[in-house]
């Protein structure tokens, strides 16, 4: 296993990049500060730990990650997962709860980093563009529903999205108008600033204005909830309260959190993946290693597991950030702000909810879903199933359902491939499908067919039916020969071989000669193992190209019409 190089995204740094990275870092900082505070609250942790998580995740990923624009830190997707899991063992907000959160971060991070060690980066290939679009939209819905209670000034509750919505509806009579006004005001200001210029720090500006308004008018006495006083000193380093009992109880939760981190980070990396010199699989593995180690460092700093962030990554991309210097500069700026974090006590909770809701709306790409629907309704259905599953069932379950459906759809397609009848292009020795090649012509008495896919149990019966149905397509007169172009037939399993044997039986009964063209060494070896060569298919019936096979069968049967 090669040793990872440091700061790979900054290699070959160019002189024209610093201004773009500095500008993107300022925008990332403006988004990250309010978002990390809100996510810490969602996790049931002290607000300052959200800033610790951002620093740990950003610095470690800048040093080890390959994706130059991926933003790593506290994430509102996994926060509810570990908060619910650990809440079963310790009271939210208690010292024991904080200790278990740190232990869980180290455990989950180690599991995520193991993906690099075990070379499991290939999991990215199972996330198609429609699944990613549905996944991001589902996350947006989850974030919005989680933030509605804080936006309305009512108590939250419920273990699922539907349960939370029912809880919210039952408390609508307790909505606090000042709280709603502040939250919607922050959301509106963030939205307007983005439409005026994506470089305006609208979210941070709105948060500052909301905080000043609450402090100046004493709105805490009007029912507006604020963060209140909290500890904001240096983190207490190390793992505390560790025991075998704690590890055993946290193991299932750590596994779930790690799987969600891997899934979301894979989807986010694929959604914002730049052109890379490295292989995508290796790059993804390195990125997961960096994210996993970022969680370990965050846990050791008394914070919680980190994850890649779709909205923050989108902000960096839109701001033109070129390398991970963007994340590193933002992290250093956050670290410099920590000594003054006590001033955040007056930040209204509904303002943080407005910030998170604004971020959520930016990852629901309606235009992309429409484009997917125009292209293929089945793929749109996969995207919508992912969206609904993530939003209503859970992130991991939603991705699992979507990937399973996508694999089933691919299996369905591969089990029903089209068998092409070939024709010769006049004046050449080339053969091409009659259905898609203008000018291609069949020849008398010989049918050439192409089955450009492995022959396996899923498509064996389909192959036999299509093969026999193609025989009447000869250029005229009785059929004397059939040529199977096996160029794309890279493998034949036992069931497929049985289907081929059945086809040979029927051809022999009709006294029709059979030949194979362009069979690879693997297929020839499988034919020999099955006893079809040299017995049923003699060596002289294996040809390097279709034209040679057609000519040989024509001459063998004393036919004419082949040049």
Protein backbone atom coordinates (compact mmCIF):
# COMPACT_ATOMS: atom_id res chain seq x y z
CA UNK A 1 0.00 0.00 0.00
CA UNK A 2 1.68 3.27 -1.09
CA UNK A 3 2.17 5.98 1.53
CA UNK A 4 -0.17 8.94 0.85
CA UNK A 5 1.57 12.15 -0.19
CA UNK A 6 0.71 15.36 1.64
CA UNK A 7 -1.54 18.03 0.11
CA UNK A 8 -1.99 16.29 -3.27
CA UNK A 9 -4.54 18.87 -4.46
CA UNK A 10 -1.94 21.65 -4.13
CA UNK A 11 0.76 19.99 -6.22
CA UNK A 12 1.69 22.13 -9.21
CA UNK A 13 0.11 25.18 -7.61
CA UNK A 14 -0.11 28.05 -10.12
CA UNK A 15 0.35 31.77 -9.51
CA UNK A 16 -3.11 32.71 -10.73
CA UNK A 17 -4.87 30.44 -8.21
CA UNK A 18 -4.39 32.24 -4.83
CA UNK A 19 -7.03 34.90 -5.48
CA UNK A 20 -9.62 32.24 -6.37
CA UNK A 21 -8.77 30.15 -3.30
CA UNK A 22 -8.86 33.20 -1.00
CA UNK A 23 -12.23 34.30 -2.34
CA UNK A 24 -13.65 30.77 -2.03
CA UNK A 25 -12.24 30.50 1.52
CA UNK A 26 -14.08 33.68 2.56
CA UNK A 27 -17.35 32.33 1.18
CA UNK A 28 -16.77 28.92 2.77
CA UNK A 29 -16.07 30.61 6.12
CA UNK A 30 -19.27 32.64 5.87
CA UNK A 31 -21.29 29.49 5.25
CA UNK A 32 -19.42 27.15 7.59
CA UNK A 33 -19.57 29.15 10.83
CA UNK A 34 -23.37 29.31 11.11
CA UNK A 35 -23.80 25.83 9.63
CA UNK A 36 -21.34 24.19 12.04
CA UNK A 37 -23.01 25.88 15.02
CA UNK A 38 -26.41 24.66 13.83
CA UNK A 39 -25.15 21.12 13.24
CA UNK A 40 -23.62 20.95 16.72
CA UNK A 41 -27.02 21.85 18.15
CA UNK A 42 -28.61 19.17 15.97
CA UNK A 43 -26.10 16.69 17.39
CA UNK A 44 -26.89 17.61 21.00
CA UNK A 45 -23.33 18.87 21.49
CA UNK A 46 -21.90 22.21 22.70
CA UNK A 47 -21.83 24.76 19.84
CA UNK A 48 -18.04 25.06 19.96
CA UNK A 49 -17.63 21.38 19.03
CA UNK A 50 -19.09 22.11 15.60
CA UNK A 51 -16.21 24.49 14.97
CA UNK A 52 -13.73 21.86 16.23
CA UNK A 53 -15.20 19.36 13.78
CA UNK A 54 -14.82 21.78 10.88
CA UNK A 55 -11.20 22.53 11.75
CA UNK A 56 -10.30 18.85 12.13
CA UNK A 57 -12.08 17.71 9.00
CA UNK A 58 -10.84 20.57 6.81
CA UNK A 59 -7.19 20.42 7.90
CA UNK A 60 -6.86 16.63 7.61
CA UNK A 61 -8.60 16.55 4.25
CA UNK A 62 -6.43 19.42 2.96
CA UNK A 63 -3.35 17.38 3.88
CA UNK A 64 -4.51 14.00 2.55
CA UNK A 65 -7.55 14.39 0.27
CA UNK A 66 -7.33 14.46 -3.51
CA UNK A 67 -10.57 16.26 -4.42
CA UNK A 68 -9.55 19.95 -4.55
CA UNK A 69 -13.02 21.32 -3.76
CA UNK A 70 -14.60 18.86 -1.32
CA UNK A 71 -15.53 20.47 2.02
CA UNK A 72 -15.37 18.29 5.13
CA UNK A 73 -16.70 19.05 8.61
CA UNK A 74 -19.76 18.70 10.82
CA UNK A 75 -22.71 17.49 8.76
CA UNK A 76 -26.42 17.63 9.46
CA UNK A 77 -27.04 14.24 7.81
CA UNK A 78 -25.14 12.10 10.31
CA UNK A 79 -25.78 14.31 13.36
CA UNK A 80 -29.31 12.96 13.95
CA UNK A 81 -28.06 9.38 13.48
CA UNK A 82 -25.46 9.35 16.23
CA UNK A 83 -27.52 11.65 18.44
CA UNK A 84 -30.37 9.13 18.42
CA UNK A 85 -28.01 6.16 18.81
CA UNK A 86 -26.04 7.58 21.73
CA UNK A 87 -29.15 9.12 23.26
CA UNK A 88 -30.26 5.57 24.07
CA UNK A 89 -27.22 5.17 26.35
CA UNK A 90 -26.75 8.63 27.87
CA UNK A 91 -28.74 11.84 28.35
CA UNK A 92 -28.19 14.39 25.60
CA UNK A 93 -25.98 17.18 26.86
CA UNK A 94 -24.49 15.16 29.73
CA UNK A 95 -20.75 14.63 30.20
CA UNK A 96 -21.16 10.93 29.42
CA UNK A 97 -23.00 11.76 26.21
CA UNK A 98 -20.11 13.99 25.08
CA UNK A 99 -17.58 11.25 25.90
CA UNK A 100 -19.51 8.66 23.89
CA UNK A 101 -19.79 11.03 20.93
CA UNK A 102 -15.99 11.36 20.87
CA UNK A 103 -15.49 7.59 21.10
CA UNK A 104 -18.01 7.06 18.32
CA UNK A 105 -16.21 9.58 16.09
CA UNK A 106 -12.95 7.66 16.46
CA UNK A 107 -14.66 4.31 15.78
CA UNK A 108 -16.59 5.53 12.75
CA UNK A 109 -13.54 7.32 11.38
CA UNK A 110 -11.43 4.17 11.64
CA UNK A 111 -14.07 2.21 9.73
CA UNK A 112 -14.22 4.84 6.97
CA UNK A 113 -10.41 4.96 6.71
CA UNK A 114 -10.38 1.17 6.34
CA UNK A 115 -12.02 1.59 2.93
CA UNK A 116 -8.69 2.90 1.65
CA UNK A 117 -6.79 0.03 3.24
CA UNK A 118 -9.16 -2.59 1.81
CA UNK A 119 -9.37 -0.88 -1.60
CA UNK A 120 -13.15 -0.59 -1.59
CA UNK A 121 -13.31 2.62 -3.61
CA UNK A 122 -15.12 0.74 -6.38
CA UNK A 123 -18.38 1.26 -4.47
CA UNK A 124 -18.59 4.64 -6.22
CA UNK A 125 -19.46 2.86 -9.45
CA UNK A 126 -22.84 1.83 -8.02
CA UNK A 127 -24.03 5.42 -7.68
CA UNK A 128 -25.43 6.68 -10.97
CA UNK A 129 -26.15 10.35 -11.69
CA UNK A 130 -29.93 9.92 -11.08
CA UNK A 131 -29.26 8.22 -7.73
CA UNK A 132 -26.91 11.05 -6.72
CA UNK A 133 -29.51 13.66 -7.72
CA UNK A 134 -32.21 11.90 -5.70
CA UNK A 135 -29.84 11.39 -2.78
CA UNK A 136 -28.95 15.08 -2.54
CA UNK A 137 -32.61 16.10 -2.84
CA UNK A 138 -33.53 13.64 -0.09
CA UNK A 139 -30.86 15.10 2.18
CA UNK A 140 -32.32 18.54 1.51
CA UNK A 141 -35.75 17.36 2.66
CA UNK A 142 -34.27 15.76 5.80
CA UNK A 143 -32.46 18.98 6.75
CA UNK A 144 -35.56 21.13 6.24
CA UNK A 145 -37.80 18.88 8.34
CA UNK A 146 -35.19 18.73 11.11
CA UNK A 147 -34.99 22.53 11.23
CA UNK A 148 -38.73 23.31 11.16
CA UNK A 149 -39.19 23.12 14.97
CA UNK A 150 -36.36 25.62 15.55
CA UNK A 151 -37.72 27.88 12.81
CA UNK A 152 -41.19 27.87 14.37
CA UNK A 153 -40.06 28.06 17.98
CA UNK A 154 -41.72 24.81 19.02
CA UNK A 155 -40.47 21.56 20.53
CA UNK A 156 -39.18 18.94 18.13
CA UNK A 157 -39.67 15.22 18.39
CA UNK A 158 -40.32 12.09 16.38
CA UNK A 159 -37.94 9.37 15.26
CA UNK A 160 -38.70 9.67 11.52
CA UNK A 161 -39.47 12.39 9.02
CA UNK A 162 -43.19 11.63 9.09
CA UNK A 163 -43.12 11.45 12.88
CA UNK A 164 -41.42 14.83 13.06
CA UNK A 165 -43.98 16.37 10.70
CA UNK A 166 -46.86 14.98 12.79
CA UNK A 167 -45.24 16.39 15.92
CA UNK A 168 -44.85 19.80 14.26
CA UNK A 169 -48.47 19.88 13.09
CA UNK A 170 -49.70 19.04 16.57
CA UNK A 171 -47.87 22.09 17.99
CA UNK A 172 -48.67 24.75 15.42
CA UNK A 173 -50.75 26.67 17.95
CA UNK A 174 -47.52 27.35 19.88
CA UNK A 175 -45.64 29.01 17.02
CA UNK A 176 -43.70 32.12 18.12
CA UNK A 177 -43.99 34.98 15.65
CA UNK A 178 -40.68 36.69 16.48
CA UNK A 179 -38.89 33.37 16.10
CA UNK A 180 -40.49 32.71 12.72
CA UNK A 181 -39.79 36.24 11.53
CA UNK A 182 -36.09 35.97 12.40
CA UNK A 183 -35.70 32.55 10.77
CA UNK A 184 -37.53 33.52 7.58
CA UNK A 185 -35.68 36.83 7.47
CA UNK A 186 -32.32 35.03 7.56
CA UNK A 187 -33.51 32.59 4.89
CA UNK A 188 -34.74 35.43 2.66
CA UNK A 189 -31.59 37.53 3.07
CA UNK A 190 -29.37 34.55 2.28
CA UNK A 191 -31.47 33.80 -0.80
CA UNK A 192 -31.43 37.41 -2.04
CA UNK A 193 -27.68 37.81 -1.54
CA UNK A 194 -27.01 34.66 -3.55
CA UNK A 195 -29.15 35.91 -6.43
CA UNK A 196 -27.41 39.28 -6.38
CA UNK A 197 -23.94 37.75 -6.21
CA UNK A 198 -22.78 34.30 -5.13
CA UNK A 199 -19.78 35.97 -3.54
CA UNK A 200 -21.84 37.91 -1.02
CA UNK A 201 -21.68 36.32 2.47
CA UNK A 202 -25.45 36.55 2.85
CA UNK A 203 -25.79 33.75 5.42
CA UNK A 204 -23.15 35.22 7.73
CA UNK A 205 -24.49 38.75 7.31
CA UNK A 206 -28.02 37.59 8.10
CA UNK A 207 -26.79 35.72 11.18
CA UNK A 208 -24.95 38.79 12.47
CA UNK A 209 -27.98 41.04 11.92
CA UNK A 210 -30.28 38.56 13.65
CA UNK A 211 -27.93 38.33 16.63
CA UNK A 212 -27.67 42.11 16.95
CA UNK A 213 -31.46 42.43 16.71
CA UNK A 214 -32.05 39.89 19.49
CA UNK A 215 -29.48 41.50 21.79
CA UNK A 216 -30.66 45.07 21.11
CA UNK A 217 -34.38 44.42 21.56
CA UNK A 218 -34.09 41.84 24.31
CA UNK A 219 -36.04 39.34 22.24
CA UNK A 220 -34.99 36.50 24.51
CA UNK A 221 -37.77 37.79 26.79
CA UNK A 222 -40.21 37.50 23.86
CA UNK A 223 -39.64 33.77 23.57
CA UNK A 224 -36.80 33.86 21.02
CA UNK A 225 -34.42 31.05 21.95
CA UNK A 226 -30.68 31.70 21.63
CA UNK A 227 -27.61 29.51 21.95
CA UNK A 228 -26.93 30.93 25.41
CA UNK A 229 -23.59 30.76 27.22
CA UNK A 230 -21.33 27.85 26.35
CA UNK A 231 -17.75 26.76 26.88
CA UNK A 232 -15.41 27.93 24.13
CA UNK A 233 -11.89 27.20 25.31
CA UNK A 234 -9.36 24.76 23.91
CA UNK A 235 -10.61 21.21 23.37
CA UNK A 236 -9.95 18.49 25.90
CA UNK A 237 -7.75 16.15 23.90
CA UNK A 238 -7.94 12.37 24.05
CA UNK A 239 -10.53 9.61 24.31
CA UNK A 240 -12.38 9.70 27.63
CA UNK A 241 -14.61 7.13 29.27
CA UNK A 242 -13.35 4.33 27.02
CA UNK A 243 -14.29 0.77 27.98
CA UNK A 244 -15.04 -2.54 26.29
CA UNK A 245 -18.64 -2.13 27.35
CA UNK A 246 -18.84 1.26 25.62
CA UNK A 247 -17.19 -0.11 22.48
CA UNK A 248 -19.66 -2.97 22.32
CA UNK A 249 -22.70 -0.71 22.67
CA UNK A 250 -21.41 1.83 20.19
CA UNK A 251 -20.25 -0.64 17.52
CA UNK A 252 -23.61 -0.91 15.68
CA UNK A 253 -24.09 2.88 15.73
CA UNK A 254 -20.51 3.41 14.50
CA UNK A 255 -21.13 0.97 11.65
CA UNK A 256 -24.26 2.83 10.54
CA UNK A 257 -22.60 6.24 10.81
CA UNK A 258 -19.55 4.99 8.87
CA UNK A 259 -21.75 3.57 6.11
CA UNK A 260 -23.62 6.87 5.78
CA UNK A 261 -20.34 8.80 5.68
CA UNK A 262 -19.00 6.50 2.97
CA UNK A 263 -22.23 6.72 0.99
CA UNK A 264 -22.63 10.48 1.22
CA UNK A 265 -18.95 11.17 0.62
CA UNK A 266 -18.95 8.90 -2.40
CA UNK A 267 -22.07 10.59 -3.79
CA UNK A 268 -20.71 14.08 -3.08
CA UNK A 269 -17.33 13.26 -4.60
CA UNK A 270 -19.03 11.89 -7.71
CA UNK A 271 -21.33 14.90 -7.94
CA UNK A 272 -18.45 17.39 -7.77
CA UNK A 273 -15.63 15.31 -9.21
CA UNK A 274 -13.04 17.23 -11.25
CA UNK A 275 -10.89 15.70 -13.95
CA UNK A 276 -8.11 13.82 -12.19
CA UNK A 277 -4.77 12.43 -13.15
CA UNK A 278 -5.30 9.49 -10.78
CA UNK A 279 -7.75 6.69 -11.25
CA UNK A 280 -11.16 7.67 -9.78
CA UNK A 281 -11.26 4.55 -7.59
CA UNK A 282 -7.88 5.27 -6.03
CA UNK A 283 -8.74 8.95 -5.59
CA UNK A 284 -12.00 8.07 -3.86
CA UNK A 285 -10.17 5.69 -1.52
CA UNK A 286 -7.70 8.44 -0.60
CA UNK A 287 -10.57 10.86 0.04
CA UNK A 288 -12.32 8.38 2.32
CA UNK A 289 -9.04 7.83 4.17
CA UNK A 290 -8.77 11.60 4.72
CA UNK A 291 -12.39 11.90 5.87
CA UNK A 292 -12.01 8.92 8.20
CA UNK A 293 -8.85 10.29 9.78
CA UNK A 294 -10.57 13.66 10.06
CA UNK A 295 -13.26 11.98 12.17
CA UNK A 296 -10.60 10.36 14.33
CA UNK A 297 -8.90 13.71 14.95
CA UNK A 298 -12.27 15.35 15.63
CA UNK A 299 -13.12 12.63 18.16
CA UNK A 300 -9.78 13.07 19.90
CA UNK A 301 -10.58 16.80 20.12
CA UNK A 302 -13.87 16.10 21.90
CA UNK A 303 -16.03 16.65 18.83
CA UNK A 304 -18.02 14.33 16.58
CA UNK A 305 -17.60 12.46 13.30
CA UNK A 306 -17.17 14.56 10.15
CA UNK A 307 -18.49 14.06 6.67
CA UNK A 308 -18.27 15.64 3.24
CA UNK A 309 -20.81 18.40 2.73
CA UNK A 310 -22.74 18.67 -0.55
CA UNK A 311 -23.85 22.31 -0.03
CA UNK A 312 -20.48 23.59 1.18
CA UNK A 313 -18.71 21.75 -1.63
CA UNK A 314 -21.15 23.30 -4.11
CA UNK A 315 -20.35 26.73 -2.66
CA UNK A 316 -16.60 26.18 -3.11
CA UNK A 317 -17.13 25.01 -6.70
CA UNK A 318 -19.34 28.00 -7.51
CA UNK A 319 -16.83 30.40 -5.91
CA UNK A 320 -14.04 29.03 -8.12
CA UNK A 321 -11.91 27.41 -5.43
CA UNK A 322 -9.00 25.61 -7.08
CA UNK A 323 -7.36 23.56 -4.29
CA UNK A 324 -7.75 22.49 -0.68
CA UNK A 325 -5.99 25.71 0.33
CA UNK A 326 -9.57 27.02 0.40
CA UNK A 327 -10.56 24.64 3.21
CA UNK A 328 -7.27 25.10 5.04
CA UNK A 329 -7.59 28.90 5.09
CA UNK A 330 -11.23 28.69 6.24
CA UNK A 331 -10.22 26.31 9.04
CA UNK A 332 -7.44 28.62 10.21
CA UNK A 333 -9.88 31.53 10.24
CA UNK A 334 -12.35 29.52 12.33
CA UNK A 335 -9.56 28.63 14.76
CA UNK A 336 -8.73 32.32 15.12
CA UNK A 337 -12.37 33.08 15.95
CA UNK A 338 -12.70 30.51 18.74
CA UNK A 339 -11.36 32.75 21.56
CA UNK A 340 -14.20 35.19 20.78
CA UNK A 341 -16.85 32.49 20.38
CA UNK A 342 -18.52 33.52 23.63
CA UNK A 343 -20.15 36.40 21.74
CA UNK A 344 -22.25 33.82 19.93
CA UNK A 345 -24.44 33.32 22.99
CA UNK A 346 -27.02 35.73 21.53
CA UNK A 347 -27.28 33.89 18.19
CA UNK A 348 -30.97 32.96 17.75
CA UNK A 349 -31.61 29.30 17.13
CA UNK A 350 -34.18 30.11 14.43
CA UNK A 351 -31.48 32.03 12.53
CA UNK A 352 -29.35 28.89 12.42
CA UNK A 353 -32.40 26.99 11.19
CA UNK A 354 -32.84 29.56 8.42
CA UNK A 355 -29.20 29.12 7.38
CA UNK A 356 -29.51 25.35 7.21
CA UNK A 357 -32.77 25.56 5.26
CA UNK A 358 -31.11 27.88 2.75
CA UNK A 359 -28.27 25.38 2.36
CA UNK A 360 -30.77 22.54 1.92
CA UNK A 361 -32.54 24.29 -0.95
CA UNK A 362 -29.28 24.54 -2.85
CA UNK A 363 -28.81 20.78 -3.11
CA UNK A 364 -32.27 20.01 -4.50
CA UNK A 365 -31.62 20.22 -8.25
CA UNK A 366 -35.07 20.28 -9.83
CA UNK A 367 -33.69 21.08 -13.29
CA UNK A 368 -31.50 17.99 -13.20
CA UNK A 369 -34.45 15.82 -12.19
CA UNK A 370 -36.42 17.23 -15.12
CA UNK A 371 -33.55 16.48 -17.49
CA UNK A 372 -33.37 12.91 -16.19
CA UNK A 373 -37.13 12.54 -16.73
CA UNK A 374 -36.87 13.78 -20.31
CA UNK A 375 -34.12 11.26 -20.98
CA UNK A 376 -35.60 8.18 -19.33
CA UNK A 377 -38.61 7.75 -17.04
CA UNK A 378 -37.15 4.64 -15.40
CA UNK A 379 -34.04 6.54 -14.34
CA UNK A 380 -36.25 9.37 -13.05
CA UNK A 381 -38.16 6.78 -11.03
CA UNK A 382 -34.84 5.63 -9.52
CA UNK A 383 -34.04 9.23 -8.56
CA UNK A 384 -37.47 9.76 -7.01
CA UNK A 385 -37.32 6.46 -5.13
CA UNK A 386 -33.95 7.54 -3.74
CA UNK A 387 -35.36 10.93 -2.76
CA UNK A 388 -38.41 9.51 -1.01
CA UNK A 389 -36.47 6.68 0.66
CA UNK A 390 -33.76 9.00 2.00
CA UNK A 391 -36.34 11.54 3.19
CA UNK A 392 -38.86 9.16 4.75
CA UNK A 393 -36.91 6.03 5.69
CA UNK A 394 -33.32 7.10 6.21
CA UNK A 395 -30.16 7.98 4.33
CA UNK A 396 -28.55 4.55 4.38
CA UNK A 397 -31.79 2.69 3.69
CA UNK A 398 -32.64 5.08 0.88
CA UNK A 399 -29.32 4.62 -0.86
CA UNK A 400 -29.55 0.85 -0.36
CA UNK A 401 -32.98 0.73 -1.97
CA UNK A 402 -31.90 2.92 -4.88
CA UNK A 403 -28.70 0.98 -5.58
CA UNK A 404 -30.58 -2.32 -5.39
CA UNK A 405 -33.18 -1.04 -7.87
CA UNK A 406 -30.47 0.32 -10.17
CA UNK A 407 -28.67 -3.04 -10.18
CA UNK A 408 -31.93 -4.85 -10.86
CA UNK A 409 -32.64 -2.47 -13.74
CA UNK A 410 -29.17 -3.06 -15.19
CA UNK A 411 -29.68 -6.81 -14.75
CA UNK A 412 -33.03 -6.59 -16.55
CA UNK A 413 -31.40 -4.79 -19.47
CA UNK A 414 -28.46 -7.19 -19.67
CA UNK A 415 -30.90 -10.11 -19.55
CA UNK A 416 -32.73 -8.75 -22.63
CA UNK A 417 -29.97 -7.68 -25.04
CA UNK A 418 -30.75 -7.26 -28.72
CA UNK A 419 -29.39 -9.81 -31.17
CA UNK A 420 -28.36 -7.97 -34.35
CA UNK A 421 -28.69 -9.44 -37.87
CA UNK A 422 -25.65 -8.30 -39.84
CA UNK A 423 -25.22 -7.25 -43.46
CA UNK A 424 -22.12 -6.65 -45.53
CA UNK A 425 -21.26 -3.07 -46.46
CA UNK A 426 -20.89 -3.07 -50.28
CA UNK A 427 -17.35 -2.79 -51.57
CA UNK A 428 -15.83 -3.81 -48.21
CA UNK A 429 -15.28 -6.86 -46.06
CA UNK A 430 -17.01 -5.18 -43.12
CA UNK A 431 -20.29 -6.34 -41.62
CA UNK A 432 -22.67 -4.17 -39.58
CA UNK A 433 -26.21 -4.39 -38.14
CA UNK A 434 -28.88 -4.10 -40.83
CA UNK A 435 -31.12 -2.13 -38.48
CA UNK A 436 -28.68 0.75 -37.97
CA UNK A 437 -26.32 0.79 -40.95
CA UNK A 438 -27.46 2.38 -44.18
CA UNK A 439 -26.39 0.38 -47.23
CA UNK A 440 -25.59 -2.85 -45.39
CA UNK A 441 -27.00 -5.85 -47.27
CA UNK A 442 -27.67 -9.50 -46.33
CA UNK A 443 -26.30 -12.25 -48.51
CA UNK A 444 -28.23 -15.19 -49.94
CA UNK A 445 -28.62 -18.30 -47.80
CA UNK A 446 -26.30 -17.20 -44.96
CA UNK A 447 -27.37 -15.33 -41.83
CA UNK A 448 -24.77 -13.48 -39.73
CA UNK A 449 -25.80 -12.40 -36.23
CA UNK A 450 -24.09 -10.43 -33.46
CA UNK A 451 -24.77 -11.06 -29.75
CA UNK A 452 -22.51 -8.45 -28.17
CA UNK A 453 -22.76 -9.47 -24.53
CA UNK A 454 -21.79 -12.39 -22.28
CA UNK A 455 -24.13 -15.38 -22.61
CA UNK A 456 -25.31 -16.26 -19.11
CA UNK A 457 -28.27 -17.73 -17.28
CA UNK A 458 -30.14 -14.42 -17.26
CA UNK A 459 -30.24 -14.08 -21.05
CA UNK A 460 -29.75 -17.68 -22.25
CA UNK A 461 -33.41 -18.34 -23.12
CA UNK A 462 -33.69 -14.87 -24.66
CA UNK A 463 -30.64 -15.61 -26.83
CA UNK A 464 -32.10 -18.88 -28.07
CA UNK A 465 -35.44 -17.29 -29.00
CA UNK A 466 -33.85 -14.34 -30.81
CA UNK A 467 -31.31 -16.54 -32.59
CA UNK A 468 -33.94 -18.85 -34.05
CA UNK A 469 -36.21 -15.92 -34.91
CA UNK A 470 -33.38 -14.36 -36.96
CA UNK A 471 -33.03 -17.33 -39.34
CA UNK A 472 -35.77 -16.20 -41.77
CA UNK A 473 -33.74 -13.00 -42.39
CA UNK A 474 -31.56 -14.65 -45.10
CA UNK A 475 -31.22 -12.76 -48.38
CA UNK A 476 -33.45 -15.21 -50.26
CA UNK A 477 -33.83 -18.93 -50.73
CA UNK A 478 -33.24 -21.66 -48.17
CA UNK A 479 -30.84 -20.97 -45.29
CA UNK A 480 -27.64 -23.01 -45.55
CA UNK A 481 -25.43 -21.38 -42.97
CA UNK A 482 -25.41 -19.24 -39.80
CA UNK A 483 -22.47 -17.23 -38.48
CA UNK A 484 -22.40 -16.06 -34.85
CA UNK A 485 -20.23 -12.98 -34.33
CA UNK A 486 -18.96 -13.47 -30.76
CA UNK A 487 -16.92 -10.26 -30.49
CA UNK A 488 -18.77 -9.00 -27.40
CA UNK A 489 -19.46 -12.45 -25.97
CA UNK A 490 -16.67 -12.39 -23.42
CA UNK A 491 -18.07 -15.21 -21.30
CA UNK A 492 -20.47 -18.15 -21.54
CA UNK A 493 -21.69 -19.85 -18.36
CA UNK A 494 -23.13 -23.36 -18.05
CA UNK A 495 -26.73 -22.26 -18.72
CA UNK A 496 -25.62 -20.19 -21.69
CA UNK A 497 -23.70 -23.14 -23.05
CA UNK A 498 -26.82 -25.30 -22.74
CA UNK A 499 -28.77 -22.72 -24.77
CA UNK A 500 -26.06 -22.72 -27.44
CA UNK A 501 -26.12 -26.53 -27.54
CA UNK A 502 -29.89 -26.42 -28.02
CA UNK A 503 -29.46 -24.00 -30.93
CA UNK A 504 -26.90 -26.34 -32.53
CA UNK A 505 -29.34 -29.23 -32.18
CA UNK A 506 -32.03 -27.34 -34.08
CA UNK A 507 -29.59 -26.21 -36.77
CA UNK A 508 -28.41 -29.79 -37.31
CA UNK A 509 -31.99 -30.99 -37.69
CA UNK A 510 -32.46 -28.39 -40.44
CA UNK A 511 -29.05 -29.23 -42.00
CA UNK A 512 -27.81 -25.68 -41.47
CA UNK A 513 -24.05 -25.15 -41.11
CA UNK A 514 -22.80 -23.15 -38.13
CA UNK A 515 -19.66 -21.07 -37.63
CA UNK A 516 -18.34 -18.65 -35.02
CA UNK A 517 -16.40 -15.48 -35.81
CA UNK A 518 -14.15 -13.42 -33.53
CA UNK A 519 -14.43 -15.66 -30.47
CA UNK A 520 -11.88 -14.70 -27.84
CA UNK A 521 -9.48 -17.10 -26.18
CA UNK A 522 -11.67 -17.30 -23.06
CA UNK A 523 -14.80 -18.23 -25.01
CA UNK A 524 -12.87 -20.80 -27.06
CA UNK A 525 -11.61 -22.37 -23.84
CA UNK A 526 -15.17 -22.50 -22.46
CA UNK A 527 -16.44 -24.11 -25.68
CA UNK A 528 -13.74 -26.76 -25.32
CA UNK A 529 -14.60 -27.43 -21.67
CA UNK A 530 -18.24 -27.86 -22.64
CA UNK A 531 -17.31 -30.39 -25.35
CA UNK A 532 -18.67 -28.24 -28.19
CA UNK A 533 -15.21 -27.97 -29.75
CA UNK A 534 -13.81 -29.77 -31.52
CA UNK A 535 -16.82 -32.14 -31.62
CA UNK A 536 -19.88 -30.03 -32.47
CA UNK A 537 -17.91 -27.02 -33.75
CA UNK A 538 -14.72 -28.15 -35.55
CA UNK A 539 -11.66 -25.88 -35.56
CA UNK A 540 -12.22 -24.99 -39.21
CA UNK A 541 -15.55 -23.39 -38.20
CA UNK A 542 -13.81 -20.80 -35.96
CA UNK A 543 -12.92 -17.67 -37.96
CA UNK A 544 -11.08 -14.43 -37.25
CA UNK A 545 -13.78 -12.25 -38.85
CA UNK A 546 -17.36 -12.40 -40.10
CA UNK A 547 -16.55 -12.01 -43.79
CA UNK A 548 -14.20 -15.00 -43.79
CA UNK A 549 -16.83 -17.12 -42.01
CA UNK A 550 -19.61 -16.18 -44.46
CA UNK A 551 -17.39 -16.90 -47.47
CA UNK A 552 -16.35 -20.26 -46.06
CA UNK A 553 -19.93 -21.37 -45.42
CA UNK A 554 -21.00 -20.14 -48.86
CA UNK A 555 -18.24 -22.07 -50.59
CA UNK A 556 -18.87 -25.13 -48.46
CA UNK A 557 -22.46 -25.24 -49.61
CA UNK A 558 -21.64 -24.22 -53.17
CA UNK A 559 -23.58 -20.95 -52.90
CA UNK A 560 -23.22 -17.80 -54.91
CA UNK A 561 -23.73 -14.13 -54.20
CA UNK A 562 -20.72 -13.53 -51.99
CA UNK A 563 -18.04 -11.39 -53.56
